[in-house]
Amino acid sequence: MTAKARILVVDDERGMCEFLRFLLQEEGYEVDIAHSGDQALTKVGESKFHLILADIKMPGLDGLEMLRKLREADEETVVIVMTGYSSLDSAIKAIKYDASDYLTKPFDDPDAVLAAVERGLSGQKAPSPF
């Protein structure tokens, strides 16, 4: 099976990383893992990813700050943020830093995650909730 795209999963919860790795690899994606925002920025500096799935709340450099720093150097990579602690403030920041989508954890439907990834890779933004 040929990889559809290279995806970086960024989450400090190892179980979530492994779940997403399995889910995405089953769909043919090439998946790499980072357990912090700093580690993700290092990996992005070393190679190209088509899409990044990043948790917002992580120790050290959180997902939104990682996204802000990423945008300073790379406006092209699609980023989907994930959180178990959704708030209006984090959603607004995600939009400000040009996140493609905003997913809440835990995921009730893995197909919704795959749909968000497909939308992001096809250049579509998430439908507006307003």
N, C-alpha and C. Protein backbone atom coordinates (compact mmCIF):
# COMPACT_ATOMS: atom_id res chain seq x y z
N MET A 1 0.85 -1.18 0.00
CA MET A 1 0.00 0.00 0.00
C MET A 1 0.89 1.24 0.00
N THR A 2 0.62 2.16 -0.92
CA THR A 2 1.37 3.39 -1.00
C THR A 2 0.80 4.41 -0.02
N ALA A 3 1.67 5.11 0.68
CA ALA A 3 1.20 6.11 1.65
C ALA A 3 0.50 7.24 0.93
N LYS A 4 -0.64 7.65 1.46
CA LYS A 4 -1.39 8.77 0.89
C LYS A 4 -0.70 10.09 1.23
N ALA A 5 -0.28 10.24 2.45
CA ALA A 5 0.33 11.48 2.91
C ALA A 5 1.12 11.20 4.19
N ARG A 6 2.02 12.14 4.51
CA ARG A 6 2.79 12.04 5.75
C ARG A 6 2.09 12.88 6.81
N ILE A 7 1.79 12.26 7.95
CA ILE A 7 1.08 12.92 9.04
C ILE A 7 1.90 12.83 10.31
N LEU A 8 1.96 13.96 11.03
CA LEU A 8 2.62 14.00 12.33
C LEU A 8 1.54 14.14 13.39
N VAL A 9 1.52 13.20 14.33
CA VAL A 9 0.60 13.24 15.47
C VAL A 9 1.39 13.77 16.66
N VAL A 10 0.85 14.83 17.29
CA VAL A 10 1.52 15.47 18.42
C VAL A 10 0.60 15.42 19.63
N ASP A 11 0.97 14.62 20.61
CA ASP A 11 0.16 14.48 21.83
C ASP A 11 1.04 13.92 22.92
N ASP A 12 0.90 14.44 24.14
CA ASP A 12 1.71 13.92 25.24
C ASP A 12 1.14 12.62 25.79
N GLU A 13 -0.08 12.26 25.41
CA GLU A 13 -0.68 10.98 25.83
C GLU A 13 -0.28 9.90 24.84
N ARG A 14 0.56 8.99 25.29
CA ARG A 14 1.08 7.95 24.40
C ARG A 14 -0.02 7.06 23.84
N GLY A 15 -1.04 6.79 24.64
CA GLY A 15 -2.15 5.97 24.17
C GLY A 15 -2.89 6.61 23.01
N MET A 16 -3.09 7.91 23.08
CA MET A 16 -3.75 8.64 21.99
C MET A 16 -2.88 8.60 20.73
N CYS A 17 -1.58 8.76 20.91
CA CYS A 17 -0.68 8.69 19.76
C CYS A 17 -0.76 7.34 19.07
N GLU A 18 -0.75 6.28 19.86
CA GLU A 18 -0.79 4.94 19.27
C GLU A 18 -2.15 4.66 18.61
N PHE A 19 -3.23 5.13 19.23
CA PHE A 19 -4.56 4.98 18.62
C PHE A 19 -4.60 5.68 17.26
N LEU A 20 -4.13 6.93 17.21
CA LEU A 20 -4.16 7.68 15.95
C LEU A 20 -3.20 7.08 14.92
N ARG A 21 -2.04 6.61 15.39
CA ARG A 21 -1.10 5.96 14.46
C ARG A 21 -1.78 4.76 13.80
N PHE A 22 -2.40 3.91 14.61
CA PHE A 22 -3.06 2.71 14.08
C PHE A 22 -4.18 3.11 13.10
N LEU A 23 -5.03 4.04 13.53
CA LEU A 23 -6.16 4.47 12.71
C LEU A 23 -5.70 5.00 11.35
N LEU A 24 -4.70 5.86 11.38
CA LEU A 24 -4.23 6.50 10.15
C LEU A 24 -3.43 5.55 9.26
N GLN A 25 -2.61 4.70 9.87
CA GLN A 25 -1.85 3.75 9.07
C GLN A 25 -2.76 2.75 8.38
N GLU A 26 -3.87 2.39 9.02
CA GLU A 26 -4.84 1.49 8.40
C GLU A 26 -5.42 2.10 7.12
N GLU A 27 -5.41 3.43 7.04
CA GLU A 27 -5.92 4.14 5.86
C GLU A 27 -4.82 4.42 4.84
N GLY A 28 -3.59 3.96 5.14
CA GLY A 28 -2.50 4.11 4.19
C GLY A 28 -1.61 5.31 4.40
N TYR A 29 -1.82 6.06 5.47
CA TYR A 29 -0.98 7.23 5.75
C TYR A 29 0.33 6.81 6.39
N GLU A 30 1.38 7.57 6.13
CA GLU A 30 2.65 7.40 6.81
C GLU A 30 2.58 8.30 8.05
N VAL A 31 2.80 7.74 9.23
CA VAL A 31 2.57 8.47 10.48
C VAL A 31 3.84 8.52 11.32
N ASP A 32 4.14 9.71 11.83
CA ASP A 32 5.22 9.90 12.78
C ASP A 32 4.59 10.48 14.04
N ILE A 33 5.28 10.35 15.15
CA ILE A 33 4.75 10.77 16.46
C ILE A 33 5.72 11.75 17.12
N ALA A 34 5.14 12.75 17.79
CA ALA A 34 5.90 13.64 18.66
C ALA A 34 5.10 13.77 19.95
N HIS A 35 5.79 13.82 21.08
CA HIS A 35 5.11 13.87 22.38
C HIS A 35 5.14 15.25 23.02
N SER A 36 5.60 16.26 22.27
CA SER A 36 5.59 17.63 22.78
C SER A 36 5.63 18.59 21.60
N GLY A 37 5.27 19.84 21.87
CA GLY A 37 5.32 20.85 20.83
C GLY A 37 6.74 21.09 20.35
N ASP A 38 7.70 21.09 21.28
CA ASP A 38 9.11 21.29 20.90
C ASP A 38 9.60 20.16 20.00
N GLN A 39 9.26 18.92 20.37
CA GLN A 39 9.67 17.77 19.56
C GLN A 39 9.03 17.85 18.18
N ALA A 40 7.78 18.30 18.11
CA ALA A 40 7.10 18.43 16.82
C ALA A 40 7.80 19.45 15.93
N LEU A 41 8.16 20.60 16.49
CA LEU A 41 8.84 21.62 15.68
C LEU A 41 10.19 21.12 15.18
N THR A 42 10.88 20.34 15.99
CA THR A 42 12.14 19.74 15.55
C THR A 42 11.90 18.81 14.37
N LYS A 43 10.89 17.95 14.48
CA LYS A 43 10.58 17.00 13.40
C LYS A 43 10.17 17.72 12.12
N VAL A 44 9.38 18.79 12.27
CA VAL A 44 8.94 19.56 11.10
C VAL A 44 10.15 20.24 10.45
N GLY A 45 11.12 20.65 11.24
CA GLY A 45 12.34 21.25 10.69
C GLY A 45 13.20 20.25 9.94
N GLU A 46 13.05 18.98 10.27
CA GLU A 46 13.87 17.93 9.64
C GLU A 46 13.24 17.32 8.41
N SER A 47 11.90 17.30 8.34
CA SER A 47 11.25 16.73 7.16
C SER A 47 9.86 17.32 6.98
N LYS A 48 9.29 17.07 5.82
CA LYS A 48 8.01 17.65 5.42
C LYS A 48 6.85 16.74 5.81
N PHE A 49 5.82 17.34 6.37
CA PHE A 49 4.58 16.63 6.67
C PHE A 49 3.45 17.33 5.92
N HIS A 50 2.50 16.56 5.45
CA HIS A 50 1.35 17.12 4.76
C HIS A 50 0.31 17.64 5.75
N LEU A 51 0.24 16.98 6.92
CA LEU A 51 -0.77 17.33 7.91
C LEU A 51 -0.22 17.04 9.30
N ILE A 52 -0.62 17.88 10.26
CA ILE A 52 -0.25 17.68 11.66
C ILE A 52 -1.53 17.64 12.48
N LEU A 53 -1.67 16.61 13.30
CA LEU A 53 -2.75 16.50 14.28
C LEU A 53 -2.13 16.81 15.63
N ALA A 54 -2.51 17.93 16.25
CA ALA A 54 -1.83 18.36 17.47
C ALA A 54 -2.80 18.60 18.61
N ASP A 55 -2.48 18.00 19.75
CA ASP A 55 -3.22 18.27 20.97
C ASP A 55 -2.93 19.69 21.41
N ILE A 56 -3.92 20.35 21.99
CA ILE A 56 -3.72 21.72 22.47
C ILE A 56 -3.01 21.72 23.81
N LYS A 57 -3.49 20.93 24.74
CA LYS A 57 -2.99 20.98 26.12
C LYS A 57 -1.88 19.94 26.31
N MET A 58 -0.64 20.46 26.36
CA MET A 58 0.53 19.61 26.59
C MET A 58 1.47 20.39 27.49
N PRO A 59 2.27 19.68 28.29
CA PRO A 59 3.25 20.39 29.11
C PRO A 59 4.30 21.06 28.22
N GLY A 60 4.86 22.13 28.70
CA GLY A 60 5.85 22.85 27.91
C GLY A 60 5.16 23.65 26.82
N LEU A 61 5.63 23.50 25.61
CA LEU A 61 5.06 24.20 24.47
C LEU A 61 3.74 23.54 24.08
N ASP A 62 2.63 24.24 24.31
CA ASP A 62 1.32 23.63 24.01
C ASP A 62 1.04 23.67 22.51
N GLY A 63 -0.04 23.03 22.11
CA GLY A 63 -0.35 22.90 20.70
C GLY A 63 -0.63 24.22 20.00
N LEU A 64 -1.26 25.17 20.67
CA LEU A 64 -1.55 26.46 20.03
C LEU A 64 -0.27 27.28 19.85
N GLU A 65 0.60 27.25 20.84
CA GLU A 65 1.87 27.97 20.70
C GLU A 65 2.74 27.30 19.65
N MET A 66 2.70 25.97 19.57
CA MET A 66 3.42 25.24 18.54
C MET A 66 2.90 25.66 17.17
N LEU A 67 1.57 25.76 17.03
CA LEU A 67 0.96 26.16 15.77
C LEU A 67 1.39 27.58 15.40
N ARG A 68 1.38 28.49 16.37
CA ARG A 68 1.81 29.87 16.11
C ARG A 68 3.24 29.90 15.60
N LYS A 69 4.14 29.16 16.25
CA LYS A 69 5.55 29.13 15.83
C LYS A 69 5.69 28.47 14.47
N LEU A 70 4.93 27.43 14.22
CA LEU A 70 4.97 26.75 12.92
C LEU A 70 4.58 27.71 11.81
N ARG A 71 3.54 28.51 12.05
CA ARG A 71 3.05 29.45 11.03
C ARG A 71 4.07 30.53 10.69
N GLU A 72 4.98 30.83 11.60
CA GLU A 72 6.02 31.81 11.31
C GLU A 72 6.93 31.34 10.18
N ALA A 73 7.12 30.03 10.07
CA ALA A 73 8.03 29.47 9.08
C ALA A 73 7.32 28.69 7.97
N ASP A 74 6.09 28.27 8.22
CA ASP A 74 5.39 27.37 7.29
C ASP A 74 3.90 27.69 7.30
N GLU A 75 3.44 28.26 6.21
CA GLU A 75 2.01 28.59 6.12
C GLU A 75 1.23 27.50 5.40
N GLU A 76 1.92 26.50 4.86
CA GLU A 76 1.28 25.51 4.00
C GLU A 76 0.78 24.26 4.72
N THR A 77 1.54 23.78 5.70
CA THR A 77 1.18 22.52 6.34
C THR A 77 -0.18 22.63 7.02
N VAL A 78 -1.03 21.66 6.74
CA VAL A 78 -2.37 21.61 7.33
C VAL A 78 -2.23 21.17 8.79
N VAL A 79 -2.90 21.90 9.70
CA VAL A 79 -2.86 21.54 11.11
C VAL A 79 -4.28 21.41 11.62
N ILE A 80 -4.55 20.28 12.25
CA ILE A 80 -5.82 20.03 12.94
C ILE A 80 -5.49 19.97 14.42
N VAL A 81 -6.18 20.80 15.21
CA VAL A 81 -5.94 20.77 16.65
C VAL A 81 -6.98 19.89 17.32
N MET A 82 -6.56 19.26 18.42
CA MET A 82 -7.43 18.36 19.18
C MET A 82 -7.37 18.78 20.64
N THR A 83 -8.49 18.63 21.33
CA THR A 83 -8.47 18.96 22.75
C THR A 83 -9.55 18.21 23.51
N GLY A 84 -9.24 17.91 24.74
CA GLY A 84 -10.23 17.37 25.68
C GLY A 84 -10.77 18.48 26.55
N TYR A 85 -10.28 19.70 26.33
CA TYR A 85 -10.65 20.87 27.14
C TYR A 85 -11.06 22.01 26.22
N SER A 86 -12.09 21.81 25.44
CA SER A 86 -12.48 22.84 24.47
C SER A 86 -12.99 24.09 25.17
N SER A 87 -12.66 25.22 24.57
CA SER A 87 -13.12 26.51 25.08
C SER A 87 -13.20 27.47 23.90
N LEU A 88 -13.97 28.51 24.08
CA LEU A 88 -14.10 29.53 23.03
C LEU A 88 -12.74 30.18 22.77
N ASP A 89 -11.97 30.45 23.83
CA ASP A 89 -10.66 31.07 23.69
C ASP A 89 -9.73 30.21 22.84
N SER A 90 -9.67 28.90 23.11
CA SER A 90 -8.77 28.04 22.33
C SER A 90 -9.25 27.90 20.90
N ALA A 91 -10.56 27.89 20.68
CA ALA A 91 -11.10 27.80 19.32
C ALA A 91 -10.75 29.06 18.52
N ILE A 92 -10.87 30.23 19.16
CA ILE A 92 -10.54 31.48 18.49
C ILE A 92 -9.05 31.52 18.13
N LYS A 93 -8.19 31.10 19.07
CA LYS A 93 -6.76 31.08 18.79
C LYS A 93 -6.44 30.10 17.66
N ALA A 94 -7.10 28.95 17.64
CA ALA A 94 -6.88 27.96 16.58
C ALA A 94 -7.22 28.57 15.22
N ILE A 95 -8.33 29.31 15.16
CA ILE A 95 -8.72 29.95 13.91
C ILE A 95 -7.71 31.03 13.54
N LYS A 96 -7.31 31.83 14.52
CA LYS A 96 -6.34 32.91 14.29
C LYS A 96 -5.04 32.38 13.71
N TYR A 97 -4.59 31.23 14.18
CA TYR A 97 -3.34 30.64 13.70
C TYR A 97 -3.57 29.70 12.52
N ASP A 98 -4.75 29.75 11.93
CA ASP A 98 -5.08 29.04 10.69
C ASP A 98 -5.09 27.52 10.83
N ALA A 99 -5.67 27.03 11.92
CA ALA A 99 -5.89 25.58 12.02
C ALA A 99 -6.98 25.19 11.03
N SER A 100 -6.85 24.03 10.46
CA SER A 100 -7.82 23.55 9.49
C SER A 100 -9.10 23.06 10.16
N ASP A 101 -8.95 22.50 11.37
CA ASP A 101 -10.10 21.94 12.08
C ASP A 101 -9.80 21.91 13.57
N TYR A 102 -10.85 21.70 14.35
CA TYR A 102 -10.78 21.71 15.82
C TYR A 102 -11.60 20.52 16.29
N LEU A 103 -10.93 19.48 16.77
CA LEU A 103 -11.60 18.25 17.20
C LEU A 103 -11.59 18.13 18.71
N THR A 104 -12.69 17.65 19.26
CA THR A 104 -12.74 17.43 20.71
C THR A 104 -12.55 15.96 21.02
N LYS A 105 -11.76 15.71 22.06
CA LYS A 105 -11.51 14.35 22.54
C LYS A 105 -12.35 14.12 23.79
N PRO A 106 -12.68 12.91 24.12
CA PRO A 106 -12.36 11.69 23.37
C PRO A 106 -13.20 11.64 22.08
N PHE A 107 -12.68 10.91 21.11
CA PHE A 107 -13.35 10.80 19.83
C PHE A 107 -14.47 9.78 19.92
N ASP A 108 -15.71 10.24 19.71
CA ASP A 108 -16.86 9.33 19.71
C ASP A 108 -16.88 8.47 18.46
N ASP A 109 -16.37 9.03 17.36
CA ASP A 109 -16.44 8.35 16.07
C ASP A 109 -15.10 8.50 15.35
N PRO A 110 -14.32 7.43 15.27
CA PRO A 110 -13.05 7.52 14.56
C PRO A 110 -13.20 7.97 13.10
N ASP A 111 -14.35 7.68 12.49
CA ASP A 111 -14.57 8.11 11.12
C ASP A 111 -14.60 9.64 11.01
N ALA A 112 -15.01 10.32 12.08
CA ALA A 112 -15.01 11.79 12.07
C ALA A 112 -13.58 12.32 12.04
N VAL A 113 -12.67 11.63 12.69
CA VAL A 113 -11.25 12.02 12.65
C VAL A 113 -10.73 11.84 11.22
N LEU A 114 -11.04 10.69 10.63
CA LEU A 114 -10.59 10.43 9.26
C LEU A 114 -11.20 11.44 8.28
N ALA A 115 -12.46 11.81 8.49
CA ALA A 115 -13.10 12.81 7.63
C ALA A 115 -12.41 14.16 7.76
N ALA A 116 -12.02 14.54 8.98
CA ALA A 116 -11.32 15.81 9.20
C ALA A 116 -9.96 15.79 8.50
N VAL A 117 -9.27 14.66 8.57
CA VAL A 117 -7.98 14.51 7.89
C VAL A 117 -8.17 14.64 6.38
N GLU A 118 -9.15 13.94 5.83
CA GLU A 118 -9.41 14.02 4.39
C GLU A 118 -9.76 15.44 3.96
N ARG A 119 -10.61 16.13 4.75
CA ARG A 119 -10.95 17.52 4.44
C ARG A 119 -9.70 18.39 4.44
N GLY A 120 -8.88 18.22 5.48
CA GLY A 120 -7.66 19.01 5.57
C GLY A 120 -6.72 18.78 4.40
N LEU A 121 -6.55 17.53 4.03
CA LEU A 121 -5.64 17.22 2.92
C LEU A 121 -6.18 17.66 1.57
N SER A 122 -7.50 17.77 1.47
CA SER A 122 -8.09 18.22 0.20
C SER A 122 -8.20 19.74 0.14
N GLY A 123 -7.76 20.42 1.21
CA GLY A 123 -7.77 21.88 1.21
C GLY A 123 -9.05 22.52 1.70
N GLN A 124 -9.97 21.71 2.23
CA GLN A 124 -11.23 22.24 2.72
C GLN A 124 -11.10 22.55 4.20
N LYS A 125 -11.71 23.65 4.61
CA LYS A 125 -11.79 23.98 6.03
C LYS A 125 -12.98 23.26 6.63
N ALA A 126 -12.98 23.12 7.94
CA ALA A 126 -14.12 22.53 8.64
C ALA A 126 -15.34 23.42 8.44
N PRO A 127 -16.53 22.84 8.40
CA PRO A 127 -17.73 23.66 8.30
C PRO A 127 -17.85 24.56 9.53
N SER A 128 -18.26 25.78 9.31
CA SER A 128 -18.41 26.73 10.42
C SER A 128 -19.59 26.35 11.28
N PRO A 129 -19.42 26.41 12.62
CA PRO A 129 -20.54 26.09 13.50
C PRO A 129 -21.52 27.25 13.62
N PHE A 130 -21.22 28.40 13.00
CA PHE A 130 -22.08 29.59 13.13
C PHE A 130 -22.95 29.78 11.90
